[in-house]
Structure formats: structure tokens, C-alpha cells
Amino acid sequence: MCERVTLPGGGTAIVCGGHRRRTRCKECRREWAAYECDVCDRPLCRRCRIHLPPNKDFCRAHRREAREAAALLRQGELYR
């Protein structure tokens, strides 16, 4: 269900909400997904995600991208 909201300053926004169906992790299929791969939006649980601080998550299929991002993070080139 969506509704139009008036913002301070006179602008408007359309806000949609509702109950989202819970999804199981696409890696293990046992746990509930609380995260998504930042490359492909694949639902992941806490145990199956590959997390890089401050806010990057990867699935196993994108492990190479996670390693490359970790190398850039160590070199100080990521999140500038």
C-alpha cells in the first residue's frame, strides 16, 4: 500500500510499505535471509554472507569481487 506524504519545505514523497514475505538464504536454504549480496541481490543469512566493513556483503558466487574489494580496502582506495 502506498501513500503520498508531505515533507517539510513543501515537497512530497510516495511511501510504500507493508509486510514483506520472509525469504530463506539462497546459499544454505536453512536460515532466514537478513542480508543481500551487493552484486546480485541474492538473499543471504548472517552465516553465509561474506561481509566487508562498513557495509558490503557478498555471496559465495561473488567471492572474487569480495577479495578484490578487500584488497582495495586495505590499500585505502575503497569508500573514498
C-alpha atoms as a PDB file:
ATOM      1  CA  MET A   1       0.000   0.000   0.000  1.00  0.00           C
ATOM      2  CA  CYS A   2       1.410   3.407  -0.976  1.00  0.00           C
ATOM      3  CA  GLU A   3       0.596   6.871   0.298  1.00  0.00           C
ATOM      4  CA  ARG A   4       1.652  10.410  -0.522  1.00  0.00           C
ATOM      5  CA  VAL A   5       3.446  12.243   2.310  1.00  0.00           C
ATOM      6  CA  THR A   6       4.049  15.984   2.517  1.00  0.00           C
ATOM      7  CA  LEU A   7       7.633  16.787   3.516  1.00  0.00           C
ATOM      8  CA  PRO A   8       8.839  19.835   5.443  1.00  0.00           C
ATOM      9  CA  GLY A   9       9.523  22.595   2.949  1.00  0.00           C
ATOM     10  CA  GLY A  10       6.568  21.706   0.719  1.00  0.00           C
ATOM     11  CA  GLY A  11       7.926  18.665  -1.123  1.00  0.00           C
ATOM     12  CA  THR A  12       6.087  15.373  -1.402  1.00  0.00           C
ATOM     13  CA  ALA A  13       7.120  11.736  -1.360  1.00  0.00           C
ATOM     14  CA  ILE A  14       5.372   8.483  -2.089  1.00  0.00           C
ATOM     15  CA  VAL A  15       5.955   5.940   0.651  1.00  0.00           C
ATOM     16  CA  CYS A  16       5.119   2.288   0.095  1.00  0.00           C
ATOM     17  CA  GLY A  17       5.110  -0.307   2.818  1.00  0.00           C
ATOM     18  CA  GLY A  18       3.526  -3.441   4.027  1.00  0.00           C
ATOM     19  CA  HIS A  19       4.536  -6.825   5.198  1.00  0.00           C
ATOM     20  CA  ARG A  20       7.380  -8.336   3.257  1.00  0.00           C
ATOM     21  CA  ARG A  21       7.434 -12.086   2.946  1.00  0.00           C
ATOM     22  CA  ARG A  22      10.448 -13.572   4.689  1.00  0.00           C
ATOM     23  CA  THR A  23      12.897 -15.351   2.442  1.00  0.00           C
ATOM     24  CA  ARG A  24      15.303 -18.159   3.191  1.00  0.00           C
ATOM     25  CA  CYS A  25      19.014 -17.826   2.451  1.00  0.00           C
ATOM     26  CA  LYS A  26      19.789 -18.890  -1.128  1.00  0.00           C
ATOM     27  CA  GLU A  27      23.132 -20.382  -0.061  1.00  0.00           C
ATOM     28  CA  CYS A  28      22.175 -22.747   2.788  1.00  0.00           C
ATOM     29  CA  ARG A  29      18.350 -22.632   2.452  1.00  0.00           C
ATOM     30  CA  ARG A  30      18.036 -23.199   6.224  1.00  0.00           C
ATOM     31  CA  GLU A  31      18.346 -19.761   7.821  1.00  0.00           C
ATOM     32  CA  TRP A  32      16.180 -16.712   7.222  1.00  0.00           C
ATOM     33  CA  ALA A  33      17.835 -14.130   4.986  1.00  0.00           C
ATOM     34  CA  ALA A  34      18.604 -10.813   6.638  1.00  0.00           C
ATOM     35  CA  TYR A  35      21.122  -9.575   4.056  1.00  0.00           C
ATOM     36  CA  GLU A  36      21.594  -9.403   0.278  1.00  0.00           C
ATOM     37  CA  CYS A  37      24.657  -9.734  -1.922  1.00  0.00           C
ATOM     38  CA  ASP A  38      25.622  -6.248  -3.086  1.00  0.00           C
ATOM     39  CA  VAL A  39      26.428  -7.601  -6.564  1.00  0.00           C
ATOM     40  CA  CYS A  40      23.285  -9.621  -7.351  1.00  0.00           C
ATOM     41  CA  ASP A  41      20.747  -9.002  -4.521  1.00  0.00           C
ATOM     42  CA  ARG A  42      20.818 -12.705  -3.597  1.00  0.00           C
ATOM     43  CA  PRO A  43      19.199 -13.218  -0.142  1.00  0.00           C
ATOM     44  CA  LEU A  44      21.776 -14.340   2.460  1.00  0.00           C
ATOM     45  CA  CYS A  45      21.799 -15.275   6.127  1.00  0.00           C
ATOM     46  CA  ARG A  46      24.363 -13.982   8.619  1.00  0.00           C
ATOM     47  CA  ARG A  47      26.496 -17.126   8.370  1.00  0.00           C
ATOM     48  CA  CYS A  48      26.620 -17.370   4.572  1.00  0.00           C
ATOM     49  CA  ARG A  49      27.375 -13.742   3.735  1.00  0.00           C
ATOM     50  CA  ILE A  50      30.924 -12.551   3.174  1.00  0.00           C
ATOM     51  CA  HIS A  51      30.954  -9.197   4.965  1.00  0.00           C
ATOM     52  CA  LEU A  52      33.378  -6.336   4.395  1.00  0.00           C
ATOM     53  CA  PRO A  53      33.076  -3.355   6.742  1.00  0.00           C
ATOM     54  CA  PRO A  54      31.498  -0.941   6.794  1.00  0.00           C
ATOM     55  CA  ASN A  55      28.568  -2.131   4.641  1.00  0.00           C
ATOM     56  CA  LYS A  56      29.456  -4.545   1.823  1.00  0.00           C
ATOM     57  CA  ASP A  57      28.068  -8.096   1.636  1.00  0.00           C
ATOM     58  CA  PHE A  58      28.824 -10.779  -0.956  1.00  0.00           C
ATOM     59  CA  CYS A  59      27.569 -14.296  -1.750  1.00  0.00           C
ATOM     60  CA  ARG A  60      29.920 -17.210  -2.423  1.00  0.00           C
ATOM     61  CA  ALA A  61      29.494 -16.806  -6.175  1.00  0.00           C
ATOM     62  CA  HIS A  62      30.947 -13.292  -5.927  1.00  0.00           C
ATOM     63  CA  ARG A  63      33.829 -14.245  -3.647  1.00  0.00           C
ATOM     64  CA  ARG A  64      36.369 -12.915  -6.191  1.00  0.00           C
ATOM     65  CA  GLU A  65      34.756  -9.468  -6.136  1.00  0.00           C
ATOM     66  CA  ALA A  66      34.833  -9.609  -2.327  1.00  0.00           C
ATOM     67  CA  ARG A  67      38.558 -10.381  -2.366  1.00  0.00           C
ATOM     68  CA  GLU A  68      39.215  -7.536  -4.811  1.00  0.00           C
ATOM     69  CA  ALA A  69      37.176  -5.154  -2.663  1.00  0.00           C
ATOM     70  CA  ALA A  70      39.083  -6.287   0.453  1.00  0.00           C
ATOM     71  CA  ALA A  71      42.394  -5.588  -1.298  1.00  0.00           C
ATOM     72  CA  LEU A  72      41.197  -2.095  -2.258  1.00  0.00           C
ATOM     73  CA  LEU A  73      40.001  -1.521   1.292  1.00  0.00           C
ATOM     74  CA  ARG A  74      43.431  -2.476   2.670  1.00  0.00           C
ATOM     75  CA  GLN A  75      45.047  -0.048   0.218  1.00  0.00           C
ATOM     76  CA  GLY A  76      42.670   2.693   1.290  1.00  0.00           C
ATOM     77  CA  GLU A  77      41.107   3.031  -2.168  1.00  0.00           C
ATOM     78  CA  LEU A  78      37.585   1.871  -1.315  1.00  0.00           C
ATOM     79  CA  TYR A  79      34.931   4.089   0.315  1.00  0.00           C
ATOM     80  CA  ARG A  80      36.523   7.401  -0.631  1.00  0.00           C
END
